Protein backbone atom coordinates (compact mmCIF):
# COMPACT_ATOMS: atom_id res chain seq x y z
CA MET A 1 -13.32 -12.56 -1.99
CA SER A 2 -13.69 -11.02 1.44
CA VAL A 3 -13.88 -7.57 2.96
CA SER A 4 -12.24 -6.50 6.20
CA LEU A 5 -12.79 -3.29 8.15
CA VAL A 6 -9.52 -1.76 9.35
CA ASP A 7 -8.92 1.26 11.59
CA LEU A 8 -6.50 3.45 9.61
CA LYS A 9 -4.80 4.71 12.78
CA GLN A 10 -3.92 1.14 13.79
CA GLY A 11 -3.10 -0.09 10.29
CA ILE A 12 -0.72 2.57 9.00
CA GLY A 13 2.81 1.61 9.95
CA ASN A 14 1.75 -1.89 11.00
CA GLY A 15 1.79 -3.50 7.57
CA MET A 16 -0.62 -1.16 5.77
CA ASN A 17 0.75 1.56 3.48
CA ILE A 18 -1.30 4.15 1.60
CA ARG A 19 -0.01 6.23 -1.32
CA GLN A 20 -1.88 8.92 -3.20
CA ILE A 21 -2.05 8.63 -6.99
CA LYS A 22 -1.81 12.12 -8.47
CA LEU A 23 -4.32 12.79 -11.22
CA MET A 24 -4.66 15.83 -13.45
CA ILE A 25 -8.44 16.02 -13.14
CA GLY A 26 -8.56 16.92 -9.44
CA HIS A 27 -9.91 13.64 -8.04
CA GLN A 28 -8.18 11.89 -5.15
CA THR A 29 -7.23 8.25 -5.69
CA TYR A 30 -5.13 6.07 -3.41
CA GLU A 31 -3.24 2.78 -3.53
CA VAL A 32 -3.45 0.60 -0.43
CA PHE A 33 -0.80 -2.08 0.19
CA PHE A 34 -0.89 -4.80 2.85
CA GLU A 35 2.41 -6.48 3.75
CA ASP A 36 2.44 -8.98 6.65
CA PHE A 37 -0.69 -7.26 7.95
CA GLU A 38 -2.77 -9.15 10.50
CA THR A 39 -6.36 -8.42 11.44
CA PRO A 40 -8.68 -10.23 13.87
CA GLY A 41 -11.14 -12.66 12.29
CA LYS A 42 -14.08 -10.69 13.69
CA THR A 43 -13.32 -7.84 11.23
CA VAL A 44 -13.85 -10.04 8.15
């Protein structure tokens, strides 16, 4: 498993998609999808 830091402004529309999951209890939860997304090795 690895973790990568991604700037949202650069990622959205370049292979990263974020969708909000609506909950009844007032919390905010999101799904994050990566499709053909590339990030430099230094961010891992």
